Every structure is written in structure tokens, then in C-alpha cells.
C-alpha atoms as a PDB file:
ATOM      1  CA  UNK A   1     -18.601 -24.700 -47.587  1.00  0.00           C
ATOM      2  CA  UNK A   2     -18.115 -28.251 -47.356  1.00  0.00           C
ATOM      3  CA  UNK A   3     -20.234 -31.318 -47.832  1.00  0.00           C
ATOM      4  CA  UNK A   4     -20.968 -33.061 -44.419  1.00  0.00           C
ATOM      5  CA  UNK A   5     -21.267 -36.709 -44.241  1.00  0.00           C
ATOM      6  CA  UNK A   6     -24.410 -37.959 -44.691  1.00  0.00           C
ATOM      7  CA  UNK A   7     -25.996 -41.973 -44.022  1.00  0.00           C
ATOM      8  CA  UNK A   8     -29.535 -43.032 -44.846  1.00  0.00           C
ATOM      9  CA  UNK A   9     -30.289 -46.030 -42.528  1.00  0.00           C
ATOM     10  CA  UNK A  10     -33.581 -48.210 -42.091  1.00  0.00           C
ATOM     11  CA  UNK A  11     -35.897 -48.051 -39.288  1.00  0.00           C
ATOM     12  CA  UNK A  12     -38.458 -50.743 -39.338  1.00  0.00           C
ATOM     13  CA  UNK A  13     -40.925 -49.550 -42.516  1.00  0.00           C
ATOM     14  CA  UNK A  14     -39.317 -46.040 -42.376  1.00  0.00           C
ATOM     15  CA  UNK A  15     -35.714 -44.385 -42.930  1.00  0.00           C
ATOM     16  CA  UNK A  16     -33.179 -41.878 -40.837  1.00  0.00           C
ATOM     17  CA  UNK A  17     -31.804 -39.119 -42.849  1.00  0.00           C
ATOM     18  CA  UNK A  18     -28.469 -38.460 -40.436  1.00  0.00           C
ATOM     19  CA  UNK A  19     -25.851 -35.782 -41.184  1.00  0.00           C
ATOM     20  CA  UNK A  20     -22.437 -34.734 -38.925  1.00  0.00           C
ATOM     21  CA  UNK A  21     -21.987 -31.207 -38.544  1.00  0.00           C
ATOM     22  CA  UNK A  22     -18.358 -30.879 -37.598  1.00  0.00           C
ATOM     23  CA  UNK A  23     -16.532 -27.274 -36.687  1.00  0.00           C
ATOM     24  CA  UNK A  24     -13.954 -27.524 -37.821  1.00  0.00           C
ATOM     25  CA  UNK A  25     -10.697 -25.660 -36.305  1.00  0.00           C
ATOM     26  CA  UNK A  26     -10.762 -21.511 -37.387  1.00  0.00           C
ATOM     27  CA  UNK A  27     -14.253 -21.974 -38.077  1.00  0.00           C
ATOM     28  CA  UNK A  28     -16.436 -18.721 -36.846  1.00  0.00           C
ATOM     29  CA  UNK A  29     -19.999 -18.933 -35.876  1.00  0.00           C
ATOM     30  CA  UNK A  30     -21.623 -17.363 -38.456  1.00  0.00           C
ATOM     31  CA  UNK A  31     -19.735 -20.114 -41.162  1.00  0.00           C
ATOM     32  CA  UNK A  32     -20.800 -22.783 -38.707  1.00  0.00           C
ATOM     33  CA  UNK A  33     -24.552 -20.998 -38.457  1.00  0.00           C
ATOM     34  CA  UNK A  34     -24.448 -20.660 -42.746  1.00  0.00           C
ATOM     35  CA  UNK A  35     -23.419 -24.734 -42.474  1.00  0.00           C
ATOM     36  CA  UNK A  36     -26.495 -25.389 -40.091  1.00  0.00           C
ATOM     37  CA  UNK A  37     -29.046 -23.288 -41.546  1.00  0.00           C
ATOM     38  CA  UNK A  38     -28.360 -24.832 -45.365  1.00  0.00           C
ATOM     39  CA  UNK A  39     -28.454 -28.365 -43.493  1.00  0.00           C
ATOM     40  CA  UNK A  40     -31.708 -27.720 -42.456  1.00  0.00           C
ATOM     41  CA  UNK A  41     -32.852 -26.486 -45.738  1.00  0.00           C
ATOM     42  CA  UNK A  42     -31.299 -29.709 -47.480  1.00  0.00           C
ATOM     43  CA  UNK A  43     -32.942 -31.491 -44.903  1.00  0.00           C
ATOM     44  CA  UNK A  44     -36.802 -30.028 -45.219  1.00  0.00           C
ATOM     45  CA  UNK A  45     -36.617 -30.111 -49.200  1.00  0.00           C
ATOM     46  CA  UNK A  46     -35.391 -33.809 -48.993  1.00  0.00           C
ATOM     47  CA  UNK A  47     -38.928 -34.686 -46.538  1.00  0.00           C
ATOM     48  CA  UNK A  48     -40.999 -32.529 -48.798  1.00  0.00           C
ATOM     49  CA  UNK A  49     -40.141 -34.697 -51.683  1.00  0.00           C
ATOM     50  CA  UNK A  50     -39.868 -37.893 -50.173  1.00  0.00           C
ATOM     51  CA  UNK A  51     -43.314 -37.178 -48.610  1.00  0.00           C
ATOM     52  CA  UNK A  52     -45.304 -35.588 -52.141  1.00  0.00           C
END
């Protein structure tokens, strides 16, 4: 798996984490879903750490 581009943007007193997921040529449904699942897992972990 590749590392999709990520940015953290300031927004008032908080911030937004933005990740771009691209479906590359030849990427099948299973691999695309695996990438999306990993991103969701990473974002949930980031949220857990920031809110604790």
C-alpha cells in the first residue's frame, strides 16, 4: 500500500485532517477498499489520541 497525501488545516479553534485517496490504474475493488479501511483506522486512532 502507498501513503496517500495528508494535510492538517487550521479551522477556527480546531483543525481538519484531510486525506486524498486516489484509485490508481489497475487497482481492484479489494485493494481500494483495503486502502480506505486503513485510512479510516488511522483517522480514528488520530482522533482517539487527540481527544484523550
